[in-house]
Amino acid sequence: MTTWTIASAVHVLLDAENRRQDIDPLSDSWADFTLETAYEVQDETLARRLMRGEHITGVKLGLTSRAKQFRMGVDTPLTAWLTDAMVLPTGDQVPLGRLIHPRVEPEIVFVMGEELRGPGVTAGRALAAVHSVQAGLEVIDSRYRDFRFTLPDVVADNASSGFVVTGSIALSPQDLDLALEACVLEVDGQVVHTATGAAVQGHPAESLALAANSLAARGVAIQPGWLVFTGGMTDAVPIREYGHVTASFTSLGTLALGAHAD
């Protein structure tokens, strides 16, 4: 495709997701593909999801850690959408048959108690709007071949959205030192990564504030009850059939994900 529009980009990305067929980055052939245009693609993709019956359940941050930014070759965090179709019930396995090349990363998750509307939101104001904090695992699944993309590409692709799952422990943010909340990530019983909440913009509340301020520029406020996945604490690890990924947090408990082929 040599002439791109918002509509054609949305069609190509959703079609790649539905067919489980990876594609070249849009930026390879879209010469004037900007970050602003990418967010328009992302929002129109959300509109298509809502039209087919999905509901917004929250937002997620992408590329909030220096490790993830370095690995993916970008230098700016981003925001994206969560819908109910992306939420895996606790205990469910990752449906590999619906994904292209899934990877899993641990996250600190906020459950919002109040509306949070930017601009000008600080980390302190953001944290005051949080009802509770949970552990989370996000299954990311870029539609781009070999996870190769620019920042506009990944924004348009809804930050490589796949599935999310949250833990059963919910604590007040006042009862936690989120910068020091540690996580040990294991694959098939082997420790592969460790990190603390400080890996996420210095403090996960900074990530939440970033989301509120970014969304304000698009006329959106974070709503009570929404989940906010604050970004991967570690690099993401591949998950394969019969494999297991486990994330053990200091205070937020342990989450595990297995996978099946269907």
C-alpha atoms as a PDB file:
ATOM      1  CA  MET A   1       0.000   0.000   0.000  1.00  0.00           C
ATOM      2  CA  THR A   2       1.554   3.305  -1.079  1.00  0.00           C
ATOM      3  CA  THR A   3      -1.114   5.826   0.001  1.00  0.00           C
ATOM      4  CA  TRP A   4      -2.063   5.604   3.661  1.00  0.00           C
ATOM      5  CA  THR A   5      -5.063   7.051   5.490  1.00  0.00           C
ATOM      6  CA  ILE A   6      -6.300   6.658   9.064  1.00  0.00           C
ATOM      7  CA  ALA A   7      -8.972   4.239   7.847  1.00  0.00           C
ATOM      8  CA  SER A   8      -6.616   2.098   5.800  1.00  0.00           C
ATOM      9  CA  ALA A   9      -4.111   1.846   8.665  1.00  0.00           C
ATOM     10  CA  VAL A  10      -6.871   0.774  11.068  1.00  0.00           C
ATOM     11  CA  HIS A  11      -8.044  -1.855   8.604  1.00  0.00           C
ATOM     12  CA  VAL A  12      -4.558  -3.265   8.088  1.00  0.00           C
ATOM     13  CA  LEU A  13      -3.772  -3.452  11.813  1.00  0.00           C
ATOM     14  CA  LEU A  14      -7.083  -5.053  12.822  1.00  0.00           C
ATOM     15  CA  ASP A  15      -6.862  -7.457   9.909  1.00  0.00           C
ATOM     16  CA  ALA A  16      -3.357  -8.485  10.966  1.00  0.00           C
ATOM     17  CA  GLU A  17      -4.635  -9.080  14.495  1.00  0.00           C
ATOM     18  CA  ASN A  18      -7.641 -11.080  13.330  1.00  0.00           C
ATOM     19  CA  ARG A  19      -5.630 -13.208  10.893  1.00  0.00           C
ATOM     20  CA  ARG A  20      -2.597 -13.578  13.191  1.00  0.00           C
ATOM     21  CA  GLN A  21      -0.426 -12.368  10.330  1.00  0.00           C
ATOM     22  CA  ASP A  22       2.432 -10.005  11.110  1.00  0.00           C
ATOM     23  CA  ILE A  23       3.128  -7.068   8.824  1.00  0.00           C
ATOM     24  CA  ASP A  24       5.889  -4.587   8.048  1.00  0.00           C
ATOM     25  CA  PRO A  25       5.795  -1.368  10.103  1.00  0.00           C
ATOM     26  CA  LEU A  26       3.514   1.311   8.678  1.00  0.00           C
ATOM     27  CA  SER A  27       6.425   3.744   8.776  1.00  0.00           C
ATOM     28  CA  ASP A  28       8.252   1.695   6.146  1.00  0.00           C
ATOM     29  CA  SER A  29       5.868   2.997   3.497  1.00  0.00           C
ATOM     30  CA  TRP A  30       4.097   5.959   5.172  1.00  0.00           C
ATOM     31  CA  ALA A  31       6.598   8.767   4.720  1.00  0.00           C
ATOM     32  CA  ASP A  32       4.800  11.422   6.790  1.00  0.00           C
ATOM     33  CA  PHE A  33       3.547   9.102   9.539  1.00  0.00           C
ATOM     34  CA  THR A  34       3.664  11.236  12.700  1.00  0.00           C
ATOM     35  CA  LEU A  35       3.000  10.518  16.369  1.00  0.00           C
ATOM     36  CA  GLU A  36      -0.136  12.664  16.205  1.00  0.00           C
ATOM     37  CA  THR A  37      -1.443  10.624  13.288  1.00  0.00           C
ATOM     38  CA  ALA A  38      -0.579   7.404  15.119  1.00  0.00           C
ATOM     39  CA  TYR A  39      -2.776   8.373  18.066  1.00  0.00           C
ATOM     40  CA  GLU A  40      -5.593   9.099  15.617  1.00  0.00           C
ATOM     41  CA  VAL A  41      -5.173   5.571  14.259  1.00  0.00           C
ATOM     42  CA  GLN A  42      -5.178   4.202  17.816  1.00  0.00           C
ATOM     43  CA  ASP A  43      -8.370   6.063  18.729  1.00  0.00           C
ATOM     44  CA  GLU A  44     -10.142   4.979  15.553  1.00  0.00           C
ATOM     45  CA  THR A  45      -9.106   1.395  16.237  1.00  0.00           C
ATOM     46  CA  LEU A  46     -10.688   1.737  19.686  1.00  0.00           C
ATOM     47  CA  ALA A  47     -13.865   3.080  18.082  1.00  0.00           C
ATOM     48  CA  ARG A  48     -14.018  -0.023  15.862  1.00  0.00           C
ATOM     49  CA  ARG A  49     -13.565  -2.250  18.917  1.00  0.00           C
ATOM     50  CA  LEU A  50     -16.399  -0.480  20.721  1.00  0.00           C
ATOM     51  CA  MET A  51     -18.627  -0.838  17.670  1.00  0.00           C
ATOM     52  CA  ARG A  52     -18.171  -4.610  17.801  1.00  0.00           C
ATOM     53  CA  GLY A  53     -19.254  -4.702  21.437  1.00  0.00           C
ATOM     54  CA  GLU A  54     -16.109  -4.218  23.502  1.00  0.00           C
ATOM     55  CA  HIS A  55     -16.045  -1.843  26.481  1.00  0.00           C
ATOM     56  CA  ILE A  56     -13.234   0.341  27.820  1.00  0.00           C
ATOM     57  CA  THR A  57     -11.821  -1.037  31.067  1.00  0.00           C
ATOM     58  CA  GLY A  58      -8.800   1.194  31.390  1.00  0.00           C
ATOM     59  CA  VAL A  59      -5.541   2.354  29.886  1.00  0.00           C
ATOM     60  CA  LYS A  60      -2.032   1.055  29.711  1.00  0.00           C
ATOM     61  CA  LEU A  61       1.365   2.651  29.482  1.00  0.00           C
ATOM     62  CA  GLY A  62       4.025   1.336  27.174  1.00  0.00           C
ATOM     63  CA  LEU A  63       7.794   1.689  27.119  1.00  0.00           C
ATOM     64  CA  THR A  64       7.956   3.339  30.535  1.00  0.00           C
ATOM     65  CA  SER A  65      11.181   1.647  31.630  1.00  0.00           C
ATOM     66  CA  ARG A  66      14.618   2.516  30.291  1.00  0.00           C
ATOM     67  CA  ALA A  67      15.256  -1.175  29.663  1.00  0.00           C
ATOM     68  CA  LYS A  68      12.212  -1.484  27.411  1.00  0.00           C
ATOM     69  CA  GLN A  69      12.971   1.783  25.617  1.00  0.00           C
ATOM     70  CA  PHE A  70      16.521   0.674  24.905  1.00  0.00           C
ATOM     71  CA  ARG A  71      15.442  -2.764  23.700  1.00  0.00           C
ATOM     72  CA  MET A  72      12.779  -1.411  21.330  1.00  0.00           C
ATOM     73  CA  GLY A  73      14.855   1.530  20.090  1.00  0.00           C
ATOM     74  CA  VAL A  74      12.482   4.288  21.255  1.00  0.00           C
ATOM     75  CA  ASP A  75      12.865   6.978  23.896  1.00  0.00           C
ATOM     76  CA  THR A  76       9.336   8.066  24.859  1.00  0.00           C
ATOM     77  CA  PRO A  77       6.579   6.329  26.855  1.00  0.00           C
ATOM     78  CA  LEU A  78       3.130   6.009  25.302  1.00  0.00           C
ATOM     79  CA  THR A  79      -0.490   5.444  26.253  1.00  0.00           C
ATOM     80  CA  ALA A  80      -2.975   2.938  24.871  1.00  0.00           C
ATOM     81  CA  TRP A  81      -6.374   1.413  25.581  1.00  0.00           C
ATOM     82  CA  LEU A  82      -7.618  -1.625  27.483  1.00  0.00           C
ATOM     83  CA  THR A  83     -10.985  -3.229  26.763  1.00  0.00           C
ATOM     84  CA  ASP A  84     -12.852  -6.082  28.381  1.00  0.00           C
ATOM     85  CA  ALA A  85     -11.862  -8.368  25.492  1.00  0.00           C
ATOM     86  CA  MET A  86      -8.228  -7.990  26.571  1.00  0.00           C
ATOM     87  CA  VAL A  87      -8.803  -9.063  30.196  1.00  0.00           C
ATOM     88  CA  LEU A  88      -7.983 -12.672  31.070  1.00  0.00           C
ATOM     89  CA  PRO A  89      -9.742 -14.042  34.165  1.00  0.00           C
ATOM     90  CA  THR A  90      -7.303 -15.111  36.858  1.00  0.00           C
ATOM     91  CA  GLY A  91      -6.361 -18.725  36.281  1.00  0.00           C
ATOM     92  CA  ASP A  92      -7.032 -18.722  32.548  1.00  0.00           C
ATOM     93  CA  GLN A  93      -4.268 -19.670  30.166  1.00  0.00           C
ATOM     94  CA  VAL A  94      -2.961 -17.472  27.374  1.00  0.00           C
ATOM     95  CA  PRO A  95      -4.739 -18.472  24.124  1.00  0.00           C
ATOM     96  CA  LEU A  96      -1.729 -18.716  21.830  1.00  0.00           C
ATOM     97  CA  GLY A  97      -3.973 -19.498  18.867  1.00  0.00           C
ATOM     98  CA  ARG A  98      -5.236 -15.912  18.958  1.00  0.00           C
ATOM     99  CA  LEU A  99      -1.793 -14.302  19.018  1.00  0.00           C
ATOM    100  CA  ILE A 100       1.219 -13.898  16.732  1.00  0.00           C
ATOM    101  CA  HIS A 101       4.342 -13.846  18.922  1.00  0.00           C
ATOM    102  CA  PRO A 102       3.277 -13.148  22.521  1.00  0.00           C
ATOM    103  CA  ARG A 103       5.554 -11.970  25.289  1.00  0.00           C
ATOM    104  CA  VAL A 104       4.789 -11.381  28.972  1.00  0.00           C
ATOM    105  CA  GLU A 105       5.886  -8.618  31.311  1.00  0.00           C
ATOM    106  CA  PRO A 106       5.082  -7.834  34.983  1.00  0.00           C
ATOM    107  CA  GLU A 107       3.430  -4.561  35.931  1.00  0.00           C
ATOM    108  CA  ILE A 108       2.086  -2.602  38.872  1.00  0.00           C
ATOM    109  CA  VAL A 109      -1.604  -1.903  38.305  1.00  0.00           C
ATOM    110  CA  PHE A 110      -3.736   0.899  39.710  1.00  0.00           C
ATOM    111  CA  VAL A 111      -7.487   0.578  40.211  1.00  0.00           C
ATOM    112  CA  MET A 112      -8.855   4.099  40.063  1.00  0.00           C
ATOM    113  CA  GLY A 113     -11.113   5.459  42.785  1.00  0.00           C
ATOM    114  CA  GLU A 114     -11.653   8.944  41.355  1.00  0.00           C
ATOM    115  CA  GLU A 115     -11.648  10.647  37.993  1.00  0.00           C
ATOM    116  CA  LEU A 116      -8.174  11.850  37.077  1.00  0.00           C
ATOM    117  CA  ARG A 117      -8.102  14.635  34.524  1.00  0.00           C
ATOM    118  CA  GLY A 118      -5.069  16.457  33.160  1.00  0.00           C
ATOM    119  CA  PRO A 119      -3.257  18.573  32.266  1.00  0.00           C
ATOM    120  CA  GLY A 120      -0.938  19.403  35.136  1.00  0.00           C
ATOM    121  CA  VAL A 121      -1.405  16.174  37.081  1.00  0.00           C
ATOM    122  CA  THR A 122       1.496  15.403  39.424  1.00  0.00           C
ATOM    123  CA  ALA A 123       2.484  12.009  40.777  1.00  0.00           C
ATOM    124  CA  GLY A 124       1.090  12.969  44.184  1.00  0.00           C
ATOM    125  CA  ARG A 125      -2.261  14.030  42.746  1.00  0.00           C
ATOM    126  CA  ALA A 126      -2.367  10.888  40.621  1.00  0.00           C
ATOM    127  CA  LEU A 127      -1.720   8.579  43.560  1.00  0.00           C
ATOM    128  CA  ALA A 128      -4.435  10.304  45.607  1.00  0.00           C
ATOM    129  CA  ALA A 129      -6.984   9.267  42.959  1.00  0.00           C
ATOM    130  CA  VAL A 130      -6.055   5.561  43.241  1.00  0.00           C
ATOM    131  CA  HIS A 131      -8.363   3.183  45.105  1.00  0.00           C
ATOM    132  CA  SER A 132      -6.052   0.166  45.235  1.00  0.00           C
ATOM    133  CA  VAL A 133      -2.934  -1.407  43.781  1.00  0.00           C
ATOM    134  CA  GLN A 134      -2.581  -4.910  42.312  1.00  0.00           C
ATOM    135  CA  ALA A 135       0.039  -7.021  40.624  1.00  0.00           C
ATOM    136  CA  GLY A 136      -0.398  -7.522  36.906  1.00  0.00           C
ATOM    137  CA  LEU A 137       0.929  -9.427  33.942  1.00  0.00           C
ATOM    138  CA  GLU A 138       0.535  -8.096  30.435  1.00  0.00           C
ATOM    139  CA  VAL A 139       0.722 -10.293  27.359  1.00  0.00           C
ATOM    140  CA  ILE A 140       1.968  -8.065  24.558  1.00  0.00           C
ATOM    141  CA  ASP A 141       1.693  -9.080  20.907  1.00  0.00           C
ATOM    142  CA  SER A 142       2.977  -6.653  18.305  1.00  0.00           C
ATOM    143  CA  ARG A 143       1.414  -6.948  14.867  1.00  0.00           C
ATOM    144  CA  TYR A 144       4.762  -5.947  13.369  1.00  0.00           C
ATOM    145  CA  ARG A 145       7.217  -8.535  12.115  1.00  0.00           C
ATOM    146  CA  ASP A 146      10.059  -9.262  14.570  1.00  0.00           C
ATOM    147  CA  PHE A 147       8.751  -6.596  16.975  1.00  0.00           C
ATOM    148  CA  ARG A 148      10.373  -3.988  14.709  1.00  0.00           C
ATOM    149  CA  PHE A 149       8.728  -0.572  14.877  1.00  0.00           C
ATOM    150  CA  THR A 150       9.126   3.161  15.407  1.00  0.00           C
ATOM    151  CA  LEU A 151       7.283   5.055  18.144  1.00  0.00           C
ATOM    152  CA  PRO A 152       4.369   6.034  15.826  1.00  0.00           C
ATOM    153  CA  ASP A 153       4.084   2.413  14.676  1.00  0.00           C
ATOM    154  CA  VAL A 154       3.669   1.010  18.179  1.00  0.00           C
ATOM    155  CA  VAL A 155       1.273   3.797  19.189  1.00  0.00           C
ATOM    156  CA  ALA A 156      -0.954   2.999  16.210  1.00  0.00           C
ATOM    157  CA  ASP A 157      -0.826  -0.688  17.190  1.00  0.00           C
ATOM    158  CA  ASN A 158      -2.275   0.167  20.643  1.00  0.00           C
ATOM    159  CA  ALA A 159       1.085  -0.436  22.311  1.00  0.00           C
ATOM    160  CA  SER A 160       1.219  -4.074  21.196  1.00  0.00           C
ATOM    161  CA  SER A 161      -1.927  -4.921  23.143  1.00  0.00           C
ATOM    162  CA  GLY A 162      -2.814  -8.561  23.751  1.00  0.00           C
ATOM    163  CA  PHE A 163      -4.153  -9.612  27.135  1.00  0.00           C
ATOM    164  CA  VAL A 164      -3.846  -8.528  30.755  1.00  0.00           C
ATOM    165  CA  VAL A 165      -4.409 -10.305  34.058  1.00  0.00           C
ATOM    166  CA  THR A 166      -4.423  -8.945  37.608  1.00  0.00           C
ATOM    167  CA  GLY A 167      -3.709 -10.559  40.948  1.00  0.00           C
ATOM    168  CA  SER A 168      -6.141 -11.220  43.773  1.00  0.00           C
ATOM    169  CA  ILE A 169      -4.401  -9.004  46.338  1.00  0.00           C
ATOM    170  CA  ALA A 170      -5.519  -5.367  46.358  1.00  0.00           C
ATOM    171  CA  LEU A 171      -3.779  -2.957  48.715  1.00  0.00           C
ATOM    172  CA  SER A 172      -4.083   0.739  49.426  1.00  0.00           C
ATOM    173  CA  PRO A 173      -1.278   2.775  47.846  1.00  0.00           C
ATOM    174  CA  GLN A 174      -0.675   4.290  51.282  1.00  0.00           C
ATOM    175  CA  ASP A 175       0.347   0.844  52.533  1.00  0.00           C
ATOM    176  CA  LEU A 176       3.060   0.370  49.907  1.00  0.00           C
ATOM    177  CA  ASP A 177       6.403   1.804  48.942  1.00  0.00           C
ATOM    178  CA  LEU A 178       5.779   1.453  45.231  1.00  0.00           C
ATOM    179  CA  ALA A 179       9.241   2.553  44.170  1.00  0.00           C
ATOM    180  CA  LEU A 180      10.687  -0.326  46.206  1.00  0.00           C
ATOM    181  CA  GLU A 181       7.977  -2.908  45.407  1.00  0.00           C
ATOM    182  CA  ALA A 182      10.073  -5.687  43.910  1.00  0.00           C
ATOM    183  CA  CYS A 183       9.231  -8.334  41.346  1.00  0.00           C
ATOM    184  CA  VAL A 184      11.012 -11.554  40.420  1.00  0.00           C
ATOM    185  CA  LEU A 185      10.076 -12.885  36.973  1.00  0.00           C
ATOM    186  CA  GLU A 186      10.526 -16.594  36.298  1.00  0.00           C
ATOM    187  CA  VAL A 187      10.078 -18.686  33.167  1.00  0.00           C
ATOM    188  CA  ASP A 188       9.582 -22.396  33.788  1.00  0.00           C
ATOM    189  CA  GLY A 189      11.040 -22.018  37.277  1.00  0.00           C
ATOM    190  CA  GLN A 190      14.144 -20.096  36.221  1.00  0.00           C
ATOM    191  CA  VAL A 191      14.646 -16.497  37.319  1.00  0.00           C
ATOM    192  CA  VAL A 192      15.081 -14.339  34.210  1.00  0.00           C
ATOM    193  CA  HIS A 193      14.539 -10.782  35.467  1.00  0.00           C
ATOM    194  CA  THR A 194      14.184  -8.769  38.666  1.00  0.00           C
ATOM    195  CA  ALA A 195      13.083  -5.170  39.093  1.00  0.00           C
ATOM    196  CA  THR A 196      11.395  -2.711  41.420  1.00  0.00           C
ATOM    197  CA  GLY A 197       8.675  -0.143  40.813  1.00  0.00           C
ATOM    198  CA  ALA A 198      11.390   2.468  40.394  1.00  0.00           C
ATOM    199  CA  ALA A 199      12.027   0.984  36.948  1.00  0.00           C
ATOM    200  CA  VAL A 200       8.724   2.540  35.846  1.00  0.00           C
ATOM    201  CA  GLN A 201       9.489   6.243  35.382  1.00  0.00           C
ATOM    202  CA  GLY A 202      11.147   6.323  38.824  1.00  0.00           C
ATOM    203  CA  HIS A 203       7.781   5.591  40.482  1.00  0.00           C
ATOM    204  CA  PRO A 204       4.587   4.062  39.048  1.00  0.00           C
ATOM    205  CA  ALA A 205       2.636   7.170  40.067  1.00  0.00           C
ATOM    206  CA  GLU A 206       4.733   9.159  37.606  1.00  0.00           C
ATOM    207  CA  SER A 207       3.508   6.790  34.921  1.00  0.00           C
ATOM    208  CA  LEU A 208      -0.101   7.353  36.006  1.00  0.00           C
ATOM    209  CA  ALA A 209       0.373  11.119  35.898  1.00  0.00           C
ATOM    210  CA  LEU A 210       1.903  10.814  32.440  1.00  0.00           C
ATOM    211  CA  ALA A 211      -1.168   8.885  31.281  1.00  0.00           C
ATOM    212  CA  ALA A 212      -3.572  11.473  32.671  1.00  0.00           C
ATOM    213  CA  ASN A 213      -1.729  14.360  31.066  1.00  0.00           C
ATOM    214  CA  SER A 214      -1.305  12.584  27.738  1.00  0.00           C
ATOM    215  CA  LEU A 215      -4.971  11.631  27.579  1.00  0.00           C
ATOM    216  CA  ALA A 216      -6.016  15.191  28.461  1.00  0.00           C
ATOM    217  CA  ALA A 217      -4.538  16.343  25.164  1.00  0.00           C
ATOM    218  CA  ARG A 218      -7.006  13.970  23.503  1.00  0.00           C
ATOM    219  CA  GLY A 219      -9.965  15.198  25.593  1.00  0.00           C
ATOM    220  CA  VAL A 220     -10.077  12.103  27.812  1.00  0.00           C
ATOM    221  CA  ALA A 221     -10.003  11.709  31.597  1.00  0.00           C
ATOM    222  CA  ILE A 222      -9.150   8.506  33.461  1.00  0.00           C
ATOM    223  CA  GLN A 223     -12.388   7.239  35.017  1.00  0.00           C
ATOM    224  CA  PRO A 224     -13.198   5.669  38.413  1.00  0.00           C
ATOM    225  CA  GLY A 225     -12.979   1.891  38.236  1.00  0.00           C
ATOM    226  CA  TRP A 226     -10.555   1.871  35.326  1.00  0.00           C
ATOM    227  CA  LEU A 227      -7.432  -0.244  35.476  1.00  0.00           C
ATOM    228  CA  VAL A 228      -4.162   1.491  34.697  1.00  0.00           C
ATOM    229  CA  PHE A 229      -1.299  -0.819  33.772  1.00  0.00           C
ATOM    230  CA  THR A 230       1.684   1.397  34.493  1.00  0.00           C
ATOM    231  CA  GLY A 231       4.214  -0.276  32.173  1.00  0.00           C
ATOM    232  CA  GLY A 232       6.554  -3.237  32.152  1.00  0.00           C
ATOM    233  CA  MET A 233       8.924  -3.385  35.109  1.00  0.00           C
ATOM    234  CA  THR A 234      11.247  -5.712  33.187  1.00  0.00           C
ATOM    235  CA  ASP A 235      11.852  -6.717  29.628  1.00  0.00           C
ATOM    236  CA  ALA A 236       9.119  -8.943  28.206  1.00  0.00           C
ATOM    237  CA  VAL A 237       9.722 -12.683  27.865  1.00  0.00           C
ATOM    238  CA  PRO A 238       8.256 -15.009  25.213  1.00  0.00           C
ATOM    239  CA  ILE A 239       5.552 -17.444  26.306  1.00  0.00           C
ATOM    240  CA  ARG A 240       5.122 -20.737  24.503  1.00  0.00           C
ATOM    241  CA  GLU A 241       2.785 -23.718  24.687  1.00  0.00           C
ATOM    242  CA  TYR A 242       3.180 -25.595  27.980  1.00  0.00           C
ATOM    243  CA  GLY A 243       5.420 -22.825  29.306  1.00  0.00           C
ATOM    244  CA  HIS A 244       4.784 -20.935  32.527  1.00  0.00           C
ATOM    245  CA  VAL A 245       5.656 -17.368  33.480  1.00  0.00           C
ATOM    246  CA  THR A 246       5.521 -16.410  37.163  1.00  0.00           C
ATOM    247  CA  ALA A 247       5.856 -12.955  38.704  1.00  0.00           C
ATOM    248  CA  SER A 248       6.426 -12.780  42.476  1.00  0.00           C
ATOM    249  CA  PHE A 249       5.962  -9.358  44.097  1.00  0.00           C
ATOM    250  CA  THR A 250       7.093  -8.226  47.546  1.00  0.00           C
ATOM    251  CA  SER A 251       3.639  -7.270  48.837  1.00  0.00           C
ATOM    252  CA  LEU A 252       1.249  -7.802  45.937  1.00  0.00           C
ATOM    253  CA  GLY A 253       1.476 -11.582  45.760  1.00  0.00           C
ATOM    254  CA  THR A 254       2.329 -13.967  42.944  1.00  0.00           C
ATOM    255  CA  LEU A 255       0.822 -14.238  39.485  1.00  0.00           C
ATOM    256  CA  ALA A 256       1.354 -17.101  37.055  1.00  0.00           C
ATOM    257  CA  LEU A 257       0.411 -17.601  33.420  1.00  0.00           C
ATOM    258  CA  GLY A 258       0.476 -20.739  31.333  1.00  0.00           C
ATOM    259  CA  ALA A 259      -0.415 -21.066  27.665  1.00  0.00           C
ATOM    260  CA  HIS A 260      -2.397 -23.333  25.379  1.00  0.00           C
ATOM    261  CA  ALA A 261      -2.552 -23.572  21.614  1.00  0.00           C
ATOM    262  CA  ASP A 262      -6.292 -22.905  21.097  1.00  0.00           C
END
